[in-house]
Amino acid sequence: MSLFLRVFRNPVYTGRVGRPKLVLTEGLLIGQVVKRYARRRVREVTRRVAHGRAKAIAAALKRVGGGKDINTAYIERINAT
């Protein structure tokens, strides 16, 4: 999770000398899917909001036609198009 927050930052240039301040990308939404396995089979799937709000993620999924729940298949489909 912390890696995503480090990657999705943009520099804010102030005109001063030195490294610019890095701020999170506007409207960043991160959902997480955790799959628990037992004997090579998925036994439990847990979905959670890692960054942003649940309502915002649901609205984004509806806007792109990605269903109602956070799922890895939706982002894979979006990346392929």
N, C-alpha and C. Protein backbone atom coordinates (compact mmCIF):
# COMPACT_ATOMS: atom_id res chain seq x y z
N MET A 1 0.83 -1.19 0.00
CA MET A 1 0.00 0.00 0.00
C MET A 1 0.87 1.26 0.00
N SER A 2 1.89 1.29 0.84
CA SER A 2 2.72 2.49 0.91
C SER A 2 3.46 2.74 -0.40
N LEU A 3 3.74 1.67 -1.15
CA LEU A 3 4.40 1.84 -2.44
C LEU A 3 3.50 2.61 -3.40
N PHE A 4 2.22 2.30 -3.43
CA PHE A 4 1.29 3.03 -4.30
C PHE A 4 1.25 4.50 -3.94
N LEU A 5 1.25 4.81 -2.66
CA LEU A 5 1.20 6.20 -2.24
C LEU A 5 2.49 6.94 -2.59
N ARG A 6 3.60 6.23 -2.70
CA ARG A 6 4.85 6.85 -3.11
C ARG A 6 4.91 7.05 -4.62
N VAL A 7 4.31 6.13 -5.37
CA VAL A 7 4.38 6.20 -6.83
C VAL A 7 3.43 7.26 -7.39
N PHE A 8 2.22 7.33 -6.86
CA PHE A 8 1.21 8.23 -7.41
C PHE A 8 1.28 9.61 -6.76
N ARG A 9 2.44 10.23 -6.85
CA ARG A 9 2.63 11.59 -6.35
C ARG A 9 3.14 12.45 -7.49
N ASN A 10 2.77 13.72 -7.45
CA ASN A 10 3.21 14.66 -8.46
C ASN A 10 4.01 15.78 -7.80
N PRO A 11 5.07 16.26 -8.46
CA PRO A 11 5.85 17.36 -7.88
C PRO A 11 5.09 18.69 -8.00
N VAL A 12 5.19 19.49 -6.96
CA VAL A 12 4.61 20.83 -6.97
C VAL A 12 5.79 21.81 -6.97
N TYR A 13 5.98 22.46 -8.11
CA TYR A 13 7.10 23.39 -8.25
C TYR A 13 6.72 24.75 -7.70
N THR A 14 7.57 25.27 -6.83
CA THR A 14 7.29 26.55 -6.19
C THR A 14 8.22 27.65 -6.69
N GLY A 15 9.22 27.30 -7.51
CA GLY A 15 10.18 28.28 -7.98
C GLY A 15 11.36 28.45 -7.05
N ARG A 16 11.34 27.74 -5.95
CA ARG A 16 12.44 27.80 -4.99
C ARG A 16 13.48 26.74 -5.34
N VAL A 17 14.65 26.89 -4.79
CA VAL A 17 15.74 25.96 -5.02
C VAL A 17 15.49 24.70 -4.20
N GLY A 18 15.85 23.55 -4.78
CA GLY A 18 15.72 22.30 -4.05
C GLY A 18 14.66 21.40 -4.66
N ARG A 19 14.49 20.28 -4.02
CA ARG A 19 13.55 19.28 -4.50
C ARG A 19 12.11 19.76 -4.29
N PRO A 20 11.25 19.62 -5.31
CA PRO A 20 9.86 20.07 -5.15
C PRO A 20 9.08 19.15 -4.21
N LYS A 21 8.07 19.71 -3.59
CA LYS A 21 7.20 18.94 -2.70
C LYS A 21 6.38 17.97 -3.54
N LEU A 22 6.20 16.75 -3.04
CA LEU A 22 5.41 15.75 -3.74
C LEU A 22 4.06 15.58 -3.05
N VAL A 23 2.98 15.69 -3.82
CA VAL A 23 1.63 15.54 -3.27
C VAL A 23 0.92 14.44 -4.02
N LEU A 24 -0.04 13.79 -3.36
CA LEU A 24 -0.79 12.70 -3.98
C LEU A 24 -1.60 13.21 -5.16
N THR A 25 -1.76 12.35 -6.16
CA THR A 25 -2.55 12.67 -7.33
C THR A 25 -4.00 12.92 -6.91
N GLU A 26 -4.57 13.96 -7.49
CA GLU A 26 -5.96 14.34 -7.17
C GLU A 26 -6.92 13.21 -7.54
N GLY A 27 -7.79 12.84 -6.63
CA GLY A 27 -8.81 11.83 -6.90
C GLY A 27 -8.30 10.40 -6.92
N LEU A 28 -7.16 10.15 -6.28
CA LEU A 28 -6.60 8.80 -6.26
C LEU A 28 -7.50 7.88 -5.43
N LEU A 29 -7.89 6.76 -6.04
CA LEU A 29 -8.71 5.74 -5.37
C LEU A 29 -8.00 4.41 -5.45
N ILE A 30 -7.82 3.75 -4.31
CA ILE A 30 -7.16 2.46 -4.28
C ILE A 30 -8.02 1.47 -3.52
N GLY A 31 -8.38 0.38 -4.18
CA GLY A 31 -9.10 -0.71 -3.55
C GLY A 31 -8.20 -1.92 -3.50
N GLN A 32 -8.37 -2.74 -2.49
CA GLN A 32 -7.51 -3.90 -2.32
C GLN A 32 -8.35 -5.17 -2.22
N VAL A 33 -7.89 -6.21 -2.93
CA VAL A 33 -8.53 -7.52 -2.88
C VAL A 33 -7.51 -8.49 -2.27
N VAL A 34 -7.89 -9.14 -1.17
CA VAL A 34 -7.01 -10.10 -0.50
C VAL A 34 -7.67 -11.47 -0.61
N LYS A 35 -6.93 -12.40 -1.22
CA LYS A 35 -7.44 -13.76 -1.37
C LYS A 35 -6.69 -14.68 -0.42
N ARG A 36 -7.43 -15.48 0.33
CA ARG A 36 -6.82 -16.45 1.24
C ARG A 36 -6.99 -17.84 0.63
N TYR A 37 -5.89 -18.57 0.60
CA TYR A 37 -5.86 -19.88 -0.03
C TYR A 37 -5.72 -20.99 1.00
N ALA A 38 -6.28 -22.13 0.69
CA ALA A 38 -6.09 -23.35 1.47
C ALA A 38 -6.07 -24.51 0.48
N ARG A 39 -5.00 -25.25 0.49
CA ARG A 39 -4.82 -26.37 -0.44
C ARG A 39 -5.01 -25.95 -1.88
N ARG A 40 -4.36 -24.86 -2.25
CA ARG A 40 -4.35 -24.32 -3.61
C ARG A 40 -5.70 -23.84 -4.11
N ARG A 41 -6.64 -23.63 -3.25
CA ARG A 41 -7.96 -23.10 -3.64
C ARG A 41 -8.26 -21.84 -2.85
N VAL A 42 -8.96 -20.93 -3.49
CA VAL A 42 -9.36 -19.70 -2.82
C VAL A 42 -10.48 -20.03 -1.85
N ARG A 43 -10.27 -19.72 -0.59
CA ARG A 43 -11.27 -20.00 0.45
C ARG A 43 -12.01 -18.75 0.90
N GLU A 44 -11.34 -17.60 0.81
CA GLU A 44 -11.96 -16.36 1.29
C GLU A 44 -11.43 -15.19 0.47
N VAL A 45 -12.30 -14.27 0.14
CA VAL A 45 -11.92 -13.05 -0.57
C VAL A 45 -12.38 -11.87 0.27
N THR A 46 -11.43 -11.00 0.60
CA THR A 46 -11.72 -9.81 1.39
C THR A 46 -11.44 -8.58 0.53
N ARG A 47 -12.40 -7.68 0.46
CA ARG A 47 -12.23 -6.43 -0.29
C ARG A 47 -12.24 -5.28 0.69
N ARG A 48 -11.32 -4.31 0.46
CA ARG A 48 -11.29 -3.15 1.34
C ARG A 48 -10.84 -1.92 0.57
N VAL A 49 -11.19 -0.78 1.10
CA VAL A 49 -10.78 0.49 0.52
C VAL A 49 -9.46 0.88 1.18
N ALA A 50 -8.41 1.00 0.37
CA ALA A 50 -7.10 1.34 0.91
C ALA A 50 -6.86 2.84 0.91
N HIS A 51 -7.41 3.54 -0.08
CA HIS A 51 -7.28 5.00 -0.13
C HIS A 51 -8.48 5.57 -0.86
N GLY A 52 -9.09 6.58 -0.30
CA GLY A 52 -10.29 7.17 -0.87
C GLY A 52 -11.52 6.76 -0.07
N ARG A 53 -12.69 6.94 -0.66
CA ARG A 53 -13.93 6.59 0.02
C ARG A 53 -14.64 5.49 -0.76
N ALA A 54 -15.38 4.69 -0.03
CA ALA A 54 -16.10 3.57 -0.64
C ALA A 54 -17.11 4.06 -1.68
N LYS A 55 -17.80 5.16 -1.39
CA LYS A 55 -18.78 5.70 -2.34
C LYS A 55 -18.11 6.18 -3.62
N ALA A 56 -16.94 6.77 -3.50
CA ALA A 56 -16.21 7.25 -4.67
C ALA A 56 -15.75 6.08 -5.53
N ILE A 57 -15.30 5.01 -4.90
CA ILE A 57 -14.87 3.83 -5.65
C ILE A 57 -16.06 3.18 -6.34
N ALA A 58 -17.20 3.10 -5.64
CA ALA A 58 -18.40 2.52 -6.25
C ALA A 58 -18.85 3.36 -7.45
N ALA A 59 -18.78 4.68 -7.33
CA ALA A 59 -19.16 5.55 -8.45
C ALA A 59 -18.21 5.37 -9.63
N ALA A 60 -16.91 5.24 -9.36
CA ALA A 60 -15.93 5.04 -10.43
C ALA A 60 -16.15 3.71 -11.13
N LEU A 61 -16.44 2.66 -10.37
CA LEU A 61 -16.72 1.35 -10.97
C LEU A 61 -17.96 1.40 -11.85
N LYS A 62 -18.98 2.11 -11.38
CA LYS A 62 -20.22 2.22 -12.16
C LYS A 62 -19.98 3.02 -13.44
N ARG A 63 -19.15 4.08 -13.34
CA ARG A 63 -18.87 4.93 -14.49
C ARG A 63 -18.15 4.17 -15.60
N VAL A 64 -17.23 3.27 -15.23
CA VAL A 64 -16.47 2.53 -16.25
C VAL A 64 -17.09 1.17 -16.57
N GLY A 65 -18.22 0.87 -15.94
CA GLY A 65 -18.87 -0.41 -16.19
C GLY A 65 -18.16 -1.57 -15.55
N GLY A 66 -17.61 -1.33 -14.36
CA GLY A 66 -16.81 -2.35 -13.70
C GLY A 66 -17.51 -3.13 -12.63
N GLY A 67 -18.82 -3.13 -12.59
CA GLY A 67 -19.53 -3.90 -11.58
C GLY A 67 -19.73 -3.12 -10.29
N LYS A 68 -20.03 -3.86 -9.22
CA LYS A 68 -20.35 -3.22 -7.94
C LYS A 68 -19.25 -3.40 -6.90
N ASP A 69 -18.48 -4.47 -6.99
CA ASP A 69 -17.46 -4.77 -5.99
C ASP A 69 -16.07 -4.53 -6.56
N ILE A 70 -15.14 -4.29 -5.65
CA ILE A 70 -13.73 -4.18 -6.03
C ILE A 70 -13.27 -5.57 -6.45
N ASN A 71 -12.68 -5.66 -7.65
CA ASN A 71 -12.23 -6.94 -8.17
C ASN A 71 -11.06 -6.71 -9.11
N THR A 72 -10.12 -7.62 -9.15
CA THR A 72 -8.94 -7.46 -10.01
C THR A 72 -9.29 -7.59 -11.48
N ALA A 73 -10.33 -8.31 -11.83
CA ALA A 73 -10.68 -8.51 -13.24
C ALA A 73 -11.08 -7.20 -13.90
N TYR A 74 -11.68 -6.27 -13.17
CA TYR A 74 -12.13 -5.02 -13.77
C TYR A 74 -10.96 -4.16 -14.21
N ILE A 75 -9.95 -4.02 -13.38
CA ILE A 75 -8.80 -3.21 -13.75
C ILE A 75 -8.02 -3.86 -14.87
N GLU A 76 -7.96 -5.17 -14.88
CA GLU A 76 -7.27 -5.87 -15.98
C GLU A 76 -8.02 -5.63 -17.29
N ARG A 77 -9.32 -5.58 -17.25
CA ARG A 77 -10.12 -5.32 -18.44
C ARG A 77 -9.90 -3.88 -18.93
N ILE A 78 -9.86 -2.94 -18.00
CA ILE A 78 -9.66 -1.54 -18.36
C ILE A 78 -8.28 -1.34 -18.96
N ASN A 79 -7.25 -1.97 -18.39
CA ASN A 79 -5.89 -1.82 -18.89
C ASN A 79 -5.73 -2.38 -20.28
N ALA A 80 -6.52 -3.39 -20.64
CA ALA A 80 -6.39 -4.03 -21.95
C ALA A 80 -7.05 -3.23 -23.06
N THR A 81 -7.92 -2.29 -22.71
CA THR A 81 -8.64 -1.54 -23.76
C THR A 81 -7.96 -0.23 -24.08
